[in-house]
């Protein structure tokens, strides 16, 4: 008995279901159609035949079976096949039929025109007897996806010299921003893609180191013919956002890990460091504790080691910072003093140009001013107590710290080392702080979920209350030129965008990672949300907050 079974998956549903089984696509020759008949034999002699054995999306396939249990319901599925022929994703049901009394069936189905698979992709078409007594009877036949007779050409050039640019990464996305093809431009500055499924809403993303990223407007690909998209890639100023660093103690070097903000490509920059001072001491278990401080460019970088942790390669929390878990007691005037402690480079003194370095061991906070040439330091102040910080004031004339267990703000004058302490009774500690675009301090109270502004004279204003973030560890990242700010909740992988003046929650952005840092591009058009733990950076438009990309950092 012959029956026709219509393909019931809608266009939208087909794409949504198939997205998870997409793999990275390599370009090259797609091969010829297999043609003919594809056959698979299962248990108890059940046989499945698919003809033809290859075809384009939108073509009609005939699926036949013999040797199946009589009057049994047969389910038809397809999956994407890996290179070794095994299934590379979950089965997608596309039909069903009842076998005849003689154990035969035949059905005609249509391959979806929106099938997001490149030419040359292999499918597995499977028939399964689903009656309880017949479970386990299954047969699978291979099928190859043929391409359409079309070609997409992406041409890249410098907008000033008009020179073609080779070796540029090109990605083709469909209207759901699913990757459908990837390639590189050749010496002629062109990348070519053939046989893509005809549809509208395609877009191209072109990335080259040292050049601005290009994202095309939407375009359509026909069944036959050639379409050309021109991409201009102007040179971009060097602007990189680093989220971490590998530190190599023996080589006196540090490798910064981050993203080029213009091209949105990952970068790993190795910097040779100039040794300043080194001190060794024996720990209680006999293992050497080493602390080495370096001067690199205009900032400090620190290398540390801890008993039981390899010193060959250590991932530092922040790049271009002093990080020390074990710091030797002072020898002369060349070593920082607290043990154990965490040190950070804060900036330069506005008048003397000396480097401002802080040390905070949880029980006291110290500020050191260090000569950038010799490495000789002098202490400006030491404050006893549990504090958050220090931070620099907007004019870099003061170091500011906040009480960890009480609502206080302490300001240390970096010229005369005088200390001023003020109470913040309206804010319950502990809290997290950052400075907004006007130079005011923004504070988040952990117990209350309150967001506050601290103005001159320690005056406190309530900006907003985020009850869902009560008792959460957060990070505050303000827009450097506007009132908006991000309140990042790493544990939940959420970013709250809050208007720092009205207190309105403008957006809540979910991510798949524990985001703990945000950075705005210098042109103000994008914001980058980073996860140091997962080594991921998410790219969004600003202020539109349209997600553009996610970039994985090198291991």
Foldseek 3Di string as FASTA:
>chain_A
DADADEFPQDLVRLCVVCLVLDDADDDDDQDDAPFDKWKWAWPQGKIKIKHGQEEAAFDKIKIKIARAAAQFKKWKWKAWADPVGHGRDDTDTGDIDTAHRRRMYMYMYGHHLNNLAAFNTKMKIKIAGPDPVRGPTMIITMHGHHFFAEKEKEAEAAPPVRQADWQKKKFKAAQVRRTRHIDTGHNRNMDMGTRGRWDWRMWMWIFDPQWAIDIGDIGTTDRHYYDYHYTHTYGDPFDWDFQKWKDAVVQQKIWTWTAGVRRRAIDIHIDHWDWADKDWDADPVRDIWIWTWTQDDLAIDTQTDDPPDDRRIDMDRDPRWHAYQAFDDDDDQQGDHDHRWGKTFAAAAPPPRFTWMWIPPQFKIWIWTAHSPNNGIDTLDMGGAGWPDFHAFPNSQWTWIAHAQFGKIWIAGSPNRDIDIDGQRVAGDDWEWDAEQVRWIWIAHQQFQWIWTQDPPRDIDTQEHDRVRHNADWYWAYDNHAQWIWTAGQVQQWIFIARNHNRDGPDIDHDPGRFHDKDADPVRQWMWTAHPVQQKIWIATPPVRDTDDMYHIDD
